[in-house]
Each structure stands twice: as C-alpha cells, then as structure tokens.
Protein backbone atom coordinates (compact mmCIF):
# COMPACT_ATOMS: atom_id res chain seq x y z
CA MET A 1 215.74 233.52 75.98
CA ILE A 2 213.40 230.72 76.89
CA GLN A 3 213.81 226.99 76.32
CA ILE A 4 210.94 224.81 75.11
CA THR A 5 210.58 221.36 73.61
CA LEU A 6 209.11 221.57 70.11
CA ASN A 7 208.06 218.31 68.44
CA GLY A 8 210.45 216.40 70.71
CA ASP A 9 213.48 218.64 70.13
CA PRO A 10 214.86 221.36 72.41
CA LYS A 11 214.40 224.85 70.96
CA ARG A 12 215.42 228.27 72.22
CA LEU A 13 213.13 231.22 71.63
CA PRO A 14 214.15 234.86 71.99
CA GLN A 15 211.24 235.52 74.36
CA ALA A 16 207.86 234.22 75.49
CA MET A 17 205.38 234.34 72.64
CA THR A 18 201.86 233.29 71.82
CA LEU A 19 201.14 230.04 70.07
CA SER A 20 200.27 232.01 66.91
CA GLU A 21 203.61 233.80 67.06
CA LEU A 22 205.47 230.51 67.59
CA ILE A 23 203.77 228.89 64.61
CA ARG A 24 204.77 231.84 62.40
CA HIS A 25 208.26 231.85 63.99
CA VAL A 26 208.80 228.30 62.72
CA GLN A 27 207.43 229.37 59.32
CA GLN A 28 204.14 227.51 59.38
CA VAL A 29 200.61 228.69 58.64
CA PRO A 30 198.41 228.68 61.79
CA GLU A 31 195.31 227.68 59.81
CA LEU A 32 197.01 224.42 58.77
CA ILE A 33 198.34 223.44 62.21
CA VAL A 34 196.92 221.43 65.09
CA ALA A 35 198.70 222.50 68.29
CA GLU A 36 199.21 220.85 71.65
CA VAL A 37 200.90 222.58 74.59
CA ASN A 38 201.74 220.57 77.69
CA GLU A 39 199.44 217.75 76.55
CA LYS A 40 196.45 220.05 75.96
CA ILE A 41 195.09 220.51 72.43
CA TYR A 42 194.01 224.06 71.56
CA LYS A 43 191.50 225.24 68.98
CA ARG A 44 192.76 227.63 66.31
CA ASP A 45 190.77 230.52 67.73
CA GLN A 46 192.75 230.14 70.99
CA TYR A 47 196.24 230.32 69.43
CA ALA A 48 196.54 234.10 69.88
CA SER A 49 195.79 233.89 73.60
CA VAL A 50 197.96 230.89 74.58
CA VAL A 51 201.36 232.09 75.81
CA ILE A 52 204.34 229.75 75.39
CA ASN A 53 206.60 229.90 78.44
CA ASP A 54 209.96 228.53 79.50
CA GLY A 55 209.85 224.75 79.84
CA ASP A 56 206.67 224.21 77.82
CA VAL A 57 206.33 221.13 75.62
CA VAL A 58 204.75 221.98 72.26
CA GLU A 59 203.66 219.64 69.48
CA LEU A 60 202.73 221.16 66.13
CA LEU A 61 201.06 218.83 63.65
CA ARG A 62 200.33 219.59 60.03
CA PHE A 63 198.07 217.25 58.14
CA VAL A 64 198.99 216.55 54.55
CA GLY A 65 196.62 214.96 52.10
CA GLY A 66 197.59 212.93 49.13
CA GLY A 67 197.17 209.67 47.47
C-alpha cells in the first residue's frame, strides 16, 4: 500500500500506479481531467508515463461547463 494526498485528502492505494491508472481508479475519464502531481501540471499525453509514488500530492481537476 502507498499513501498519497489526493485533492487535499489522504488516500491509500494498493500499489504505485501511473497517473492514467489513478484517474481510472477514482472513476474519472482521463480526457476530461487536468492533473497536477507535486505542484507540476502534466499534459494528457504524459499521464501514462507519470508514476504516482508514496507521499505524492495529486490534484485532479475536472472542468464542468454550464450556464
């Protein structure tokens, strides 16, 4: 198990995973997410290569339109 901070809340993960895997793990669609890991924003084409490790701080933002 690894411990991360996800959107300000502590979260345990069964193992290290890529950013893409984490986004799917929390039941979101990677194409709709803007992701920041340890204060660095990643482009969507990088999500599969960014590994989330113990102690990382992750922010996942999903933009919603409306009016």
